[in-house]
Amino acid sequence: MKYILLISLLSQILFSQEFECETKKKVYQSISSSWIEVCTISDTIIKVSLSTMGGNYHTCNLEGVAKKEGQSFVLKERQCKVNLKFSKDVLNLDFGSESECRHFCGMRASWVSGKHKRIR
């Protein structure tokens, strides 16, 4: 019985965080076909969803939690490391070595470092 109550409580907490993210989510877009959704969890942690579209509608997708390191946030998944630096209504993405993040992409899609403007 204790485990059922614990699981129920945890699911309610997680659901409320997801709902809160949806209502305060910031969305950024580049000139090309890429966009980023950002949800602030705390001053030092953000939830990030990165997507881009390449030729023949092939895509790159990466989701995760980025932690603050100095003046920017860093998202690490496997060998992929993405730096996110915010200023006013602009998000600057830096994929560093694009080949390390390549396994999150389809055949004709690739990541693009650079500036993304806030659209929502």
PDB file of N, CA and C in Angstrom:
ATOM      1  N   MET A   1       0.815  -1.188   0.000  1.00  0.00           N
ATOM      2  CA  MET A   1       0.000   0.000   0.000  1.00  0.00           C
ATOM      3  C   MET A   1       0.868   1.266   0.000  1.00  0.00           C
ATOM      4  N   LYS A   2       1.981   1.242   0.757  1.00  0.00           N
ATOM      5  CA  LYS A   2       2.872   2.405   0.811  1.00  0.00           C
ATOM      6  C   LYS A   2       3.444   2.714  -0.567  1.00  0.00           C
ATOM      7  N   TYR A   3       3.795   1.651  -1.331  1.00  0.00           N
ATOM      8  CA  TYR A   3       4.373   1.848  -2.641  1.00  0.00           C
ATOM      9  C   TYR A   3       3.366   2.469  -3.602  1.00  0.00           C
ATOM     10  N   ILE A   4       2.117   2.083  -3.514  1.00  0.00           N
ATOM     11  CA  ILE A   4       1.082   2.637  -4.384  1.00  0.00           C
ATOM     12  C   ILE A   4       0.899   4.122  -4.092  1.00  0.00           C
ATOM     13  N   LEU A   5       0.883   4.493  -2.830  1.00  0.00           N
ATOM     14  CA  LEU A   5       0.757   5.899  -2.466  1.00  0.00           C
ATOM     15  C   LEU A   5       1.966   6.699  -2.934  1.00  0.00           C
ATOM     16  N   LEU A   6       3.153   6.135  -2.793  1.00  0.00           N
ATOM     17  CA  LEU A   6       4.368   6.804  -3.226  1.00  0.00           C
ATOM     18  C   LEU A   6       4.362   7.013  -4.736  1.00  0.00           C
ATOM     19  N   ILE A   7       4.008   5.987  -5.483  1.00  0.00           N
ATOM     20  CA  ILE A   7       3.944   6.090  -6.938  1.00  0.00           C
ATOM     21  C   ILE A   7       2.900   7.122  -7.350  1.00  0.00           C
ATOM     22  N   SER A   8       1.769   7.122  -6.700  1.00  0.00           N
ATOM     23  CA  SER A   8       0.715   8.093  -6.997  1.00  0.00           C
ATOM     24  C   SER A   8       1.193   9.518  -6.743  1.00  0.00           C
ATOM     25  N   LEU A   9       1.862   9.739  -5.633  1.00  0.00           N
ATOM     26  CA  LEU A   9       2.371  11.058  -5.289  1.00  0.00           C
ATOM     27  C   LEU A   9       3.423  11.517  -6.297  1.00  0.00           C
ATOM     28  N   LEU A  10       4.347  10.640  -6.651  1.00  0.00           N
ATOM     29  CA  LEU A  10       5.385  10.990  -7.622  1.00  0.00           C
ATOM     30  C   LEU A  10       4.788  11.333  -8.983  1.00  0.00           C
ATOM     31  N   SER A  11       3.806  10.575  -9.434  1.00  0.00           N
ATOM     32  CA  SER A  11       3.196  10.856 -10.731  1.00  0.00           C
ATOM     33  C   SER A  11       2.472  12.195 -10.725  1.00  0.00           C
ATOM     34  N   GLN A  12       1.841  12.558  -9.602  1.00  0.00           N
ATOM     35  CA  GLN A  12       1.181  13.857  -9.505  1.00  0.00           C
ATOM     36  C   GLN A  12       2.201  14.992  -9.560  1.00  0.00           C
ATOM     37  N   ILE A  13       3.327  14.824  -8.907  1.00  0.00           N
ATOM     38  CA  ILE A  13       4.381  15.846  -8.927  1.00  0.00           C
ATOM     39  C   ILE A  13       4.926  16.004 -10.338  1.00  0.00           C
ATOM     40  N   LEU A  14       5.247  14.900 -10.996  1.00  0.00           N
ATOM     41  CA  LEU A  14       5.781  14.955 -12.350  1.00  0.00           C
ATOM     42  C   LEU A  14       4.781  15.564 -13.316  1.00  0.00           C
ATOM     43  N   PHE A  15       3.502  15.206 -13.207  1.00  0.00           N
ATOM     44  CA  PHE A  15       2.480  15.755 -14.085  1.00  0.00           C
ATOM     45  C   PHE A  15       2.356  17.260 -13.880  1.00  0.00           C
ATOM     46  N   SER A  16       2.394  17.726 -12.645  1.00  0.00           N
ATOM     47  CA  SER A  16       2.257  19.161 -12.387  1.00  0.00           C
ATOM     48  C   SER A  16       3.451  19.927 -12.950  1.00  0.00           C
ATOM     49  N   GLN A  17       4.662  19.352 -12.903  1.00  0.00           N
ATOM     50  CA  GLN A  17       5.835  19.998 -13.486  1.00  0.00           C
ATOM     51  C   GLN A  17       5.688  20.093 -14.996  1.00  0.00           C
ATOM     52  N   GLU A  18       5.215  19.024 -15.644  1.00  0.00           N
ATOM     53  CA  GLU A  18       5.028  19.048 -17.094  1.00  0.00           C
ATOM     54  C   GLU A  18       4.006  20.101 -17.490  1.00  0.00           C
ATOM     55  N   PHE A  19       2.898  20.188 -16.748  1.00  0.00           N
ATOM     56  CA  PHE A  19       1.871  21.183 -17.042  1.00  0.00           C
ATOM     57  C   PHE A  19       2.432  22.580 -16.884  1.00  0.00           C
ATOM     58  N   GLU A  20       3.204  22.790 -15.812  1.00  0.00           N
ATOM     59  CA  GLU A  20       3.811  24.089 -15.569  1.00  0.00           C
ATOM     60  C   GLU A  20       4.761  24.455 -16.697  1.00  0.00           C
ATOM     61  N   CYS A  21       5.513  23.479 -17.209  1.00  0.00           N
ATOM     62  CA  CYS A  21       6.419  23.726 -18.331  1.00  0.00           C
ATOM     63  C   CYS A  21       5.648  24.177 -19.562  1.00  0.00           C
ATOM     64  N   GLU A  22       4.538  23.539 -19.846  1.00  0.00           N
ATOM     65  CA  GLU A  22       3.746  23.905 -21.009  1.00  0.00           C
ATOM     66  C   GLU A  22       3.249  25.342 -20.930  1.00  0.00           C
ATOM     67  N   THR A  23       2.910  25.805 -19.752  1.00  0.00           N
ATOM     68  CA  THR A  23       2.361  27.148 -19.623  1.00  0.00           C
ATOM     69  C   THR A  23       3.434  28.235 -19.623  1.00  0.00           C
ATOM     70  N   LYS A  24       4.693  27.918 -19.257  1.00  0.00           N
ATOM     71  CA  LYS A  24       5.757  28.918 -19.254  1.00  0.00           C
ATOM     72  C   LYS A  24       6.868  28.630 -20.251  1.00  0.00           C
ATOM     73  N   LYS A  25       6.629  27.794 -21.213  1.00  0.00           N
ATOM     74  CA  LYS A  25       7.658  27.393 -22.172  1.00  0.00           C
ATOM     75  C   LYS A  25       8.040  28.563 -23.084  1.00  0.00           C
ATOM     76  N   LYS A  26       9.338  28.694 -23.357  1.00  0.00           N
ATOM     77  CA  LYS A  26       9.844  29.678 -24.309  1.00  0.00           C
ATOM     78  C   LYS A  26      10.250  28.925 -25.572  1.00  0.00           C
ATOM     79  N   VAL A  27       9.947  29.498 -26.728  1.00  0.00           N
ATOM     80  CA  VAL A  27      10.255  28.848 -28.001  1.00  0.00           C
ATOM     81  C   VAL A  27      11.138  29.778 -28.823  1.00  0.00           C
ATOM     82  N   TYR A  28      12.214  29.210 -29.367  1.00  0.00           N
ATOM     83  CA  TYR A  28      13.156  29.953 -30.203  1.00  0.00           C
ATOM     84  C   TYR A  28      13.227  29.293 -31.579  1.00  0.00           C
ATOM     85  N   GLN A  29      13.496  30.107 -32.626  1.00  0.00           N
ATOM     86  CA  GLN A  29      13.588  29.561 -33.980  1.00  0.00           C
ATOM     87  C   GLN A  29      14.702  30.268 -34.735  1.00  0.00           C
ATOM     88  N   SER A  30      15.365  29.507 -35.610  1.00  0.00           N
ATOM     89  CA  SER A  30      16.420  30.091 -36.437  1.00  0.00           C
ATOM     90  C   SER A  30      15.838  30.422 -37.806  1.00  0.00           C
ATOM     91  N   ILE A  31      16.661  31.031 -38.651  1.00  0.00           N
ATOM     92  CA  ILE A  31      16.230  31.335 -40.020  1.00  0.00           C
ATOM     93  C   ILE A  31      15.987  30.036 -40.774  1.00  0.00           C
ATOM     94  N   SER A  32      16.801  29.045 -40.502  1.00  0.00           N
ATOM     95  CA  SER A  32      16.602  27.733 -41.133  1.00  0.00           C
ATOM     96  C   SER A  32      15.457  27.024 -40.410  1.00  0.00           C
ATOM     97  N   SER A  33      15.290  25.776 -40.649  1.00  0.00           N
ATOM     98  CA  SER A  33      14.165  25.026 -40.070  1.00  0.00           C
ATOM     99  C   SER A  33      14.522  24.366 -38.748  1.00  0.00           C
ATOM    100  N   SER A  34      14.990  25.142 -37.796  1.00  0.00           N
ATOM    101  CA  SER A  34      15.262  24.558 -36.487  1.00  0.00           C
ATOM    102  C   SER A  34      14.595  25.391 -35.400  1.00  0.00           C
ATOM    103  N   TRP A  35      14.208  24.709 -34.323  1.00  0.00           N
ATOM    104  CA  TRP A  35      13.544  25.383 -33.223  1.00  0.00           C
ATOM    105  C   TRP A  35      13.927  24.719 -31.911  1.00  0.00           C
ATOM    106  N   ILE A  36      13.808  25.506 -30.840  1.00  0.00           N
ATOM    107  CA  ILE A  36      14.194  25.053 -29.506  1.00  0.00           C
ATOM    108  C   ILE A  36      13.085  25.442 -28.535  1.00  0.00           C
ATOM    109  N   GLU A  37      12.682  24.494 -27.703  1.00  0.00           N
ATOM    110  CA  GLU A  37      11.728  24.764 -26.629  1.00  0.00           C
ATOM    111  C   GLU A  37      12.493  24.677 -25.319  1.00  0.00           C
ATOM    112  N   VAL A  38      12.303  25.687 -24.469  1.00  0.00           N
ATOM    113  CA  VAL A  38      13.033  25.766 -23.201  1.00  0.00           C
ATOM    114  C   VAL A  38      12.042  25.955 -22.055  1.00  0.00           C
ATOM    115  N   CYS A  39      12.224  25.173 -21.014  1.00  0.00           N
ATOM    116  CA  CYS A  39      11.416  25.308 -19.806  1.00  0.00           C
ATOM    117  C   CYS A  39      12.368  25.439 -18.619  1.00  0.00           C
ATOM    118  N   THR A  40      12.225  26.520 -17.882  1.00  0.00           N
ATOM    119  CA  THR A  40      13.084  26.753 -16.719  1.00  0.00           C
ATOM    120  C   THR A  40      12.596  25.935 -15.536  1.00  0.00           C
ATOM    121  N   ILE A  41      13.460  25.079 -15.024  1.00  0.00           N
ATOM    122  CA  ILE A  41      13.164  24.281 -13.839  1.00  0.00           C
ATOM    123  C   ILE A  41      13.634  25.032 -12.591  1.00  0.00           C
ATOM    124  N   SER A  42      14.847  25.598 -12.666  1.00  0.00           N
ATOM    125  CA  SER A  42      15.397  26.414 -11.578  1.00  0.00           C
ATOM    126  C   SER A  42      16.401  27.377 -12.194  1.00  0.00           C
ATOM    127  N   ASP A  43      17.092  28.159 -11.366  1.00  0.00           N
ATOM    128  CA  ASP A  43      18.101  29.101 -11.866  1.00  0.00           C
ATOM    129  C   ASP A  43      19.270  28.391 -12.531  1.00  0.00           C
ATOM    130  N   THR A  44      19.470  27.124 -12.201  1.00  0.00           N
ATOM    131  CA  THR A  44      20.638  26.403 -12.713  1.00  0.00           C
ATOM    132  C   THR A  44      20.284  25.208 -13.603  1.00  0.00           C
ATOM    133  N   ILE A  45      18.992  24.946 -13.805  1.00  0.00           N
ATOM    134  CA  ILE A  45      18.567  23.790 -14.610  1.00  0.00           C
ATOM    135  C   ILE A  45      17.429  24.193 -15.545  1.00  0.00           C
ATOM    136  N   ILE A  46      17.562  23.809 -16.821  1.00  0.00           N
ATOM    137  CA  ILE A  46      16.493  24.010 -17.791  1.00  0.00           C
ATOM    138  C   ILE A  46      16.235  22.712 -18.540  1.00  0.00           C
ATOM    139  N   LYS A  47      15.007  22.527 -18.968  1.00  0.00           N
ATOM    140  CA  LYS A  47      14.646  21.390 -19.811  1.00  0.00           C
ATOM    141  C   LYS A  47      14.623  21.902 -21.246  1.00  0.00           C
ATOM    142  N   VAL A  48      15.283  21.173 -22.148  1.00  0.00           N
ATOM    143  CA  VAL A  48      15.456  21.641 -23.522  1.00  0.00           C
ATOM    144  C   VAL A  48      15.014  20.579 -24.515  1.00  0.00           C
ATOM    145  N   SER A  49      14.346  21.030 -25.577  1.00  0.00           N
ATOM    146  CA  SER A  49      13.981  20.163 -26.693  1.00  0.00           C
ATOM    147  C   SER A  49      14.453  20.842 -27.971  1.00  0.00           C
ATOM    148  N   LEU A  50      15.390  20.206 -28.682  1.00  0.00           N
ATOM    149  CA  LEU A  50      15.966  20.751 -29.910  1.00  0.00           C
ATOM    150  C   LEU A  50      15.472  19.941 -31.107  1.00  0.00           C
ATOM    151  N   SER A  51      15.077  20.635 -32.165  1.00  0.00           N
ATOM    152  CA  SER A  51      14.634  19.955 -33.391  1.00  0.00           C
ATOM    153  C   SER A  51      15.076  20.758 -34.604  1.00  0.00           C
ATOM    154  N   THR A  52      15.407  20.053 -35.666  1.00  0.00           N
ATOM    155  CA  THR A  52      15.711  20.708 -36.935  1.00  0.00           C
ATOM    156  C   THR A  52      15.267  19.804 -38.068  1.00  0.00           C
ATOM    157  N   MET A  53      15.002  20.400 -39.233  1.00  0.00           N
ATOM    158  CA  MET A  53      14.550  19.626 -40.381  1.00  0.00           C
ATOM    159  C   MET A  53      15.498  19.856 -41.551  1.00  0.00           C
ATOM    160  N   GLY A  54      15.911  18.761 -42.179  1.00  0.00           N
ATOM    161  CA  GLY A  54      16.797  18.837 -43.320  1.00  0.00           C
ATOM    162  C   GLY A  54      16.095  18.420 -44.593  1.00  0.00           C
ATOM    163  N   GLY A  55      16.868  18.007 -45.585  1.00  0.00           N
ATOM    164  CA  GLY A  55      16.331  17.583 -46.875  1.00  0.00           C
ATOM    165  C   GLY A  55      15.416  16.376 -46.758  1.00  0.00           C
ATOM    166  N   ASN A  56      14.413  16.333 -47.617  1.00  0.00           N
ATOM    167  CA  ASN A  56      13.432  15.235 -47.649  1.00  0.00           C
ATOM    168  C   ASN A  56      12.781  15.005 -46.282  1.00  0.00           C
ATOM    169  N   TYR A  57      12.658  16.070 -45.510  1.00  0.00           N
ATOM    170  CA  TYR A  57      12.016  16.039 -44.190  1.00  0.00           C
ATOM    171  C   TYR A  57      12.723  15.130 -43.181  1.00  0.00           C
ATOM    172  N   HIS A  58      14.010  14.904 -43.372  1.00  0.00           N
ATOM    173  CA  HIS A  58      14.779  14.198 -42.350  1.00  0.00           C
ATOM    174  C   HIS A  58      14.995  15.164 -41.192  1.00  0.00           C
ATOM    175  N   THR A  59      15.038  14.641 -39.972  1.00  0.00           N
ATOM    176  CA  THR A  59      15.098  15.512 -38.791  1.00  0.00           C
ATOM    177  C   THR A  59      16.246  15.148 -37.851  1.00  0.00           C
ATOM    178  N   CYS A  60      16.545  16.107 -36.989  1.00  0.00           N
ATOM    179  CA  CYS A  60      17.408  15.899 -35.831  1.00  0.00           C
ATOM    180  C   CYS A  60      16.565  16.238 -34.615  1.00  0.00           C
ATOM    181  N   ASN A  61      16.629  15.433 -33.584  1.00  0.00           N
ATOM    182  CA  ASN A  61      15.877  15.680 -32.355  1.00  0.00           C
ATOM    183  C   ASN A  61      16.728  15.320 -31.149  1.00  0.00           C
ATOM    184  N   LEU A  62      16.703  16.196 -30.159  1.00  0.00           N
ATOM    185  CA  LEU A  62      17.462  15.971 -28.936  1.00  0.00           C
ATOM    186  C   LEU A  62      16.720  16.637 -27.781  1.00  0.00           C
ATOM    187  N   GLU A  63      16.481  15.884 -26.720  1.00  0.00           N
ATOM    188  CA  GLU A  63      15.836  16.404 -25.523  1.00  0.00           C
ATOM    189  C   GLU A  63      16.684  16.076 -24.313  1.00  0.00           C
ATOM    190  N   GLY A  64      16.648  16.963 -23.342  1.00  0.00           N
ATOM    191  CA  GLY A  64      17.374  16.672 -22.122  1.00  0.00           C
ATOM    192  C   GLY A  64      17.353  17.830 -21.156  1.00  0.00           C
ATOM    193  N   VAL A  65      18.118  17.676 -20.107  1.00  0.00           N
ATOM    194  CA  VAL A  65      18.228  18.691 -19.065  1.00  0.00           C
ATOM    195  C   VAL A  65      19.603  19.328 -19.178  1.00  0.00           C
ATOM    196  N   ALA A  66      19.611  20.658 -19.262  1.00  0.00           N
ATOM    197  CA  ALA A  66      20.870  21.399 -19.342  1.00  0.00           C
ATOM    198  C   ALA A  66      21.151  22.041 -17.994  1.00  0.00           C
ATOM    199  N   LYS A  67      22.413  21.999 -17.599  1.00  0.00           N
ATOM    200  CA  LYS A  67      22.824  22.574 -16.313  1.00  0.00           C
ATOM    201  C   LYS A  67      23.701  23.799 -16.564  1.00  0.00           C
ATOM    202  N   LYS A  68      23.570  24.776 -15.694  1.00  0.00           N
ATOM    203  CA  LYS A  68      24.328  26.016 -15.835  1.00  0.00           C
ATOM    204  C   LYS A  68      25.800  25.778 -15.536  1.00  0.00           C
ATOM    205  N   GLU A  69      26.627  26.273 -16.449  1.00  0.00           N
ATOM    206  CA  GLU A  69      28.085  26.234 -16.284  1.00  0.00           C
ATOM    207  C   GLU A  69      28.607  27.607 -16.686  1.00  0.00           C
ATOM    208  N   GLY A  70      28.952  28.430 -15.725  1.00  0.00           N
ATOM    209  CA  GLY A  70      29.403  29.793 -16.019  1.00  0.00           C
ATOM    210  C   GLY A  70      28.239  30.641 -16.510  1.00  0.00           C
ATOM    211  N   GLN A  71      28.414  31.261 -17.691  1.00  0.00           N
ATOM    212  CA  GLN A  71      27.385  32.142 -18.252  1.00  0.00           C
ATOM    213  C   GLN A  71      26.409  31.426 -19.179  1.00  0.00           C
ATOM    214  N   SER A  72      26.612  30.136 -19.423  1.00  0.00           N
ATOM    215  CA  SER A  72      25.725  29.411 -20.333  1.00  0.00           C
ATOM    216  C   SER A  72      25.239  28.118 -19.693  1.00  0.00           C
ATOM    217  N   PHE A  73      24.312  27.472 -20.376  1.00  0.00           N
ATOM    218  CA  PHE A  73      23.813  26.169 -19.962  1.00  0.00           C
ATOM    219  C   PHE A  73      24.423  25.122 -20.878  1.00  0.00           C
ATOM    220  N   VAL A  74      24.651  23.926 -20.364  1.00  0.00           N
ATOM    221  CA  VAL A  74      25.256  22.855 -21.153  1.00  0.00           C
ATOM    222  C   VAL A  74      24.359  21.626 -21.094  1.00  0.00           C
ATOM    223  N   LEU A  75      24.011  21.131 -22.274  1.00  0.00           N
ATOM    224  CA  LEU A  75      23.225  19.910 -22.423  1.00  0.00           C
ATOM    225  C   LEU A  75      24.175  18.819 -22.889  1.00  0.00           C
ATOM    226  N   LYS A  76      24.240  17.718 -22.138  1.00  0.00           N
ATOM    227  CA  LYS A  76      25.124  16.604 -22.495  1.00  0.00           C
ATOM    228  C   LYS A  76      24.301  15.340 -22.656  1.00  0.00           C
ATOM    229  N   GLU A  77      24.389  14.730 -23.814  1.00  0.00           N
ATOM    230  CA  GLU A  77      23.761  13.439 -24.094  1.00  0.00           C
ATOM    231  C   GLU A  77      24.772  12.594 -24.855  1.00  0.00           C
ATOM    232  N   ARG A  78      25.103  11.447 -24.291  1.00  0.00           N
ATOM    233  CA  ARG A  78      26.171  10.594 -24.840  1.00  0.00           C
ATOM    234  C   ARG A  78      27.419  11.436 -25.032  1.00  0.00           C
ATOM    235  N   GLN A  79      28.013  11.462 -26.232  1.00  0.00           N
ATOM    236  CA  GLN A  79      29.197  12.302 -26.484  1.00  0.00           C
ATOM    237  C   GLN A  79      28.817  13.708 -26.934  1.00  0.00           C
ATOM    238  N   CYS A  80      27.541  13.943 -27.181  1.00  0.00           N
ATOM    239  CA  CYS A  80      27.060  15.232 -27.684  1.00  0.00           C
ATOM    240  C   CYS A  80      27.028  16.260 -26.553  1.00  0.00           C
ATOM    241  N   LYS A  81      27.593  17.432 -26.826  1.00  0.00           N
ATOM    242  CA  LYS A  81      27.603  18.522 -25.858  1.00  0.00           C
ATOM    243  C   LYS A  81      27.155  19.794 -26.574  1.00  0.00           C
ATOM    244  N   VAL A  82      26.076  20.405 -26.050  1.00  0.00           N
ATOM    245  CA  VAL A  82      25.515  21.610 -26.658  1.00  0.00           C
ATOM    246  C   VAL A  82      25.564  22.737 -25.635  1.00  0.00           C
ATOM    247  N   ASN A  83      26.141  23.872 -26.033  1.00  0.00           N
ATOM    248  CA  ASN A  83      26.179  25.057 -25.186  1.00  0.00           C
ATOM    249  C   ASN A  83      25.041  25.985 -25.592  1.00  0.00           C
ATOM    250  N   LEU A  84      24.279  26.456 -24.607  1.00  0.00           N
ATOM    251  CA  LEU A  84      23.162  27.366 -24.845  1.00  0.00           C
ATOM    252  C   LEU A  84      23.418  28.648 -24.067  1.00  0.00           C
ATOM    253  N   LYS A  85      23.503  29.758 -24.768  1.00  0.00           N
ATOM    254  CA  LYS A  85      23.753  31.042 -24.120  1.00  0.00           C
ATOM    255  C   LYS A  85      22.603  31.990 -24.459  1.00  0.00           C
ATOM    256  N   PHE A  86      21.964  32.513 -23.413  1.00  0.00           N
ATOM    257  CA  PHE A  86      20.800  33.369 -23.571  1.00  0.00           C
ATOM    258  C   PHE A  86      21.182  34.839 -23.429  1.00  0.00           C
ATOM    259  N   SER A  87      20.565  35.693 -24.263  1.00  0.00           N
ATOM    260  CA  SER A  87      20.672  37.142 -24.112  1.00  0.00           C
ATOM    261  C   SER A  87      19.385  37.758 -24.661  1.00  0.00           C
ATOM    262  N   LYS A  88      18.706  38.518 -23.823  1.00  0.00           N
ATOM    263  CA  LYS A  88      17.409  39.126 -24.131  1.00  0.00           C
ATOM    264  C   LYS A  88      16.495  38.126 -24.829  1.00  0.00           C
ATOM    265  N   ASP A  89      16.174  38.323 -26.105  1.00  0.00           N
ATOM    266  CA  ASP A  89      15.274  37.426 -26.834  1.00  0.00           C
ATOM    267  C   ASP A  89      16.020  36.559 -27.846  1.00  0.00           C
ATOM    268  N   VAL A  90      17.298  36.300 -27.590  1.00  0.00           N
ATOM    269  CA  VAL A  90      18.120  35.504 -28.502  1.00  0.00           C
ATOM    270  C   VAL A  90      18.782  34.371 -27.730  1.00  0.00           C
ATOM    271  N   LEU A  91      18.794  33.201 -28.344  1.00  0.00           N
ATOM    272  CA  LEU A  91      19.490  32.033 -27.804  1.00  0.00           C
ATOM    273  C   LEU A  91      20.577  31.664 -28.799  1.00  0.00           C
ATOM    274  N   ASN A  92      21.811  31.620 -28.331  1.00  0.00           N
ATOM    275  CA  ASN A  92      22.923  31.225 -29.188  1.00  0.00           C
ATOM    276  C   ASN A  92      23.297  29.782 -28.876  1.00  0.00           C
ATOM    277  N   LEU A  93      23.193  28.920 -29.895  1.00  0.00           N
ATOM    278  CA  LEU A  93      23.526  27.495 -29.748  1.00  0.00           C
ATOM    279  C   LEU A  93      24.908  27.230 -30.302  1.00  0.00           C
ATOM    280  N   ASP A  94      25.661  26.397 -29.614  1.00  0.00           N
ATOM    281  CA  ASP A  94      26.965  25.962 -30.111  1.00  0.00           C
ATOM    282  C   ASP A  94      27.076  24.461 -29.911  1.00  0.00           C
ATOM    283  N   PHE A  95      27.111  23.739 -31.029  1.00  0.00           N
ATOM    284  CA  PHE A  95      27.208  22.283 -30.977  1.00  0.00           C
ATOM    285  C   PHE A  95      28.645  21.799 -30.892  1.00  0.00           C
ATOM    286  N   GLY A  96      29.594  22.733 -30.885  1.00  0.00           N
ATOM    287  CA  GLY A  96      30.998  22.316 -30.823  1.00  0.00           C
ATOM    288  C   GLY A  96      31.325  21.433 -32.002  1.00  0.00           C
ATOM    289  N   SER A  97      31.681  20.208 -31.737  1.00  0.00           N
ATOM    290  CA  SER A  97      31.946  19.241 -32.797  1.00  0.00           C
ATOM    291  C   SER A  97      30.621  18.609 -33.222  1.00  0.00           C
ATOM    292  N   GLU A  98      30.134  19.012 -34.389  1.00  0.00           N
ATOM    293  CA  GLU A  98      28.837  18.549 -34.876  1.00  0.00           C
ATOM    294  C   GLU A  98      28.788  17.036 -35.033  1.00  0.00           C
ATOM    295  N   SER A  99      29.928  16.400 -35.322  1.00  0.00           N
ATOM    296  CA  SER A  99      29.946  14.948 -35.532  1.00  0.00           C
ATOM    297  C   SER A  99      29.570  14.181 -34.263  1.00  0.00           C
ATOM    298  N   GLU A 100      29.847  14.748 -33.082  1.00  0.00           N
ATOM    299  CA  GLU A 100      29.496  14.081 -31.830  1.00  0.00           C
ATOM    300  C   GLU A 100      27.990  14.051 -31.596  1.00  0.00           C
ATOM    301  N   CYS A 101      27.257  14.945 -32.245  1.00  0.00           N
ATOM    302  CA  CYS A 101      25.804  15.017 -32.086  1.00  0.00           C
ATOM    303  C   CYS A 101      25.077  14.419 -33.299  1.00  0.00           C
ATOM    304  N   ARG A 102      25.820  13.908 -34.252  1.00  0.00           N
ATOM    305  CA  ARG A 102      25.261  13.414 -35.512  1.00  0.00           C
ATOM    306  C   ARG A 102      24.286  12.253 -35.325  1.00  0.00           C
ATOM    307  N   HIS A 103      24.479  11.400 -34.326  1.00  0.00           N
ATOM    308  CA  HIS A 103      23.621  10.223 -34.180  1.00  0.00           C
ATOM    309  C   HIS A 103      22.201  10.576 -33.734  1.00  0.00           C
ATOM    310  N   PHE A 104      21.913  11.865 -33.479  1.00  0.00           N
ATOM    311  CA  PHE A 104      20.547  12.301 -33.187  1.00  0.00           C
ATOM    312  C   PHE A 104      19.824  12.772 -34.448  1.00  0.00           C
ATOM    313  N   CYS A 105      20.470  12.585 -35.617  1.00  0.00           N
ATOM    314  CA  CYS A 105      19.939  13.111 -36.886  1.00  0.00           C
ATOM    315  C   CYS A 105      19.665  12.007 -37.901  1.00  0.00           C
ATOM    316  N   GLY A 106      18.694  12.294 -38.767  1.00  0.00           N
ATOM    317  CA  GLY A 106      18.442  11.434 -39.914  1.00  0.00           C
ATOM    318  C   GLY A 106      19.503  11.670 -40.978  1.00  0.00           C
ATOM    319  N   MET A 107      19.414  10.931 -42.083  1.00  0.00           N
ATOM    320  CA  MET A 107      20.458  10.947 -43.102  1.00  0.00           C
ATOM    321  C   MET A 107      20.710  12.332 -43.713  1.00  0.00           C
ATOM    322  N   ARG A 108      19.667  13.085 -44.005  1.00  0.00           N
ATOM    323  CA  ARG A 108      19.843  14.373 -44.690  1.00  0.00           C
ATOM    324  C   ARG A 108      19.548  15.565 -43.785  1.00  0.00           C
ATOM    325  N   ALA A 109      19.815  15.417 -42.518  1.00  0.00           N
ATOM    326  CA  ALA A 109      19.613  16.523 -41.577  1.00  0.00           C
ATOM    327  C   ALA A 109      20.884  16.719 -40.770  1.00  0.00           C
ATOM    328  N   SER A 110      21.087  17.945 -40.316  1.00  0.00           N
ATOM    329  CA  SER A 110      22.257  18.226 -39.479  1.00  0.00           C
ATOM    330  C   SER A 110      21.958  19.406 -38.563  1.00  0.00           C
ATOM    331  N   TRP A 111      22.719  19.491 -37.485  1.00  0.00           N
ATOM    332  CA  TRP A 111      22.574  20.583 -36.535  1.00  0.00           C
ATOM    333  C   TRP A 111      23.244  21.834 -37.072  1.00  0.00           C
ATOM    334  N   VAL A 112      22.707  23.005 -36.696  1.00  0.00           N
ATOM    335  CA  VAL A 112      23.291  24.277 -37.096  1.00  0.00           C
ATOM    336  C   VAL A 112      23.518  25.129 -35.851  1.00  0.00           C
ATOM    337  N   SER A 113      24.774  25.450 -35.587  1.00  0.00           N
ATOM    338  CA  SER A 113      25.081  26.362 -34.482  1.00  0.00           C
ATOM    339  C   SER A 113      24.698  27.777 -34.905  1.00  0.00           C
ATOM    340  N   GLY A 114      24.405  28.614 -33.938  1.00  0.00           N
ATOM    341  CA  GLY A 114      24.100  30.018 -34.269  1.00  0.00           C
ATOM    342  C   GLY A 114      22.954  30.571 -33.449  1.00  0.00           C
ATOM    343  N   LYS A 115      22.490  31.744 -33.890  1.00  0.00           N
ATOM    344  CA  LYS A 115      21.474  32.475 -33.152  1.00  0.00           C
ATOM    345  C   LYS A 115      20.070  32.009 -33.506  1.00  0.00           C
ATOM    346  N   HIS A 116      19.235  31.964 -32.477  1.00  0.00           N
ATOM    347  CA  HIS A 116      17.821  31.621 -32.615  1.00  0.00           C
ATOM    348  C   HIS A 116      17.020  32.701 -31.895  1.00  0.00           C
ATOM    349  N   LYS A 117      16.035  33.283 -32.570  1.00  0.00           N
ATOM    350  CA  LYS A 117      15.205  34.337 -31.985  1.00  0.00           C
ATOM    351  C   LYS A 117      14.025  33.744 -31.244  1.00  0.00           C
ATOM    352  N   ARG A 118      13.663  34.386 -30.149  1.00  0.00           N
ATOM    353  CA  ARG A 118      12.487  33.940 -29.384  1.00  0.00           C
ATOM    354  C   ARG A 118      11.229  34.315 -30.165  1.00  0.00           C
ATOM    355  N   ILE A 119      10.357  33.315 -30.360  1.00  0.00           N
ATOM    356  CA  ILE A 119       9.107  33.576 -31.072  1.00  0.00           C
ATOM    357  C   ILE A 119       7.883  33.432 -30.176  1.00  0.00           C
ATOM    358  N   ARG A 120       8.080  32.880 -28.966  1.00  0.00           N
ATOM    359  CA  ARG A 120       6.959  32.739 -28.031  1.00  0.00           C
ATOM    360  C   ARG A 120       7.491  32.615 -26.618  1.00  0.00           C
TER     361      ARG A 120
END
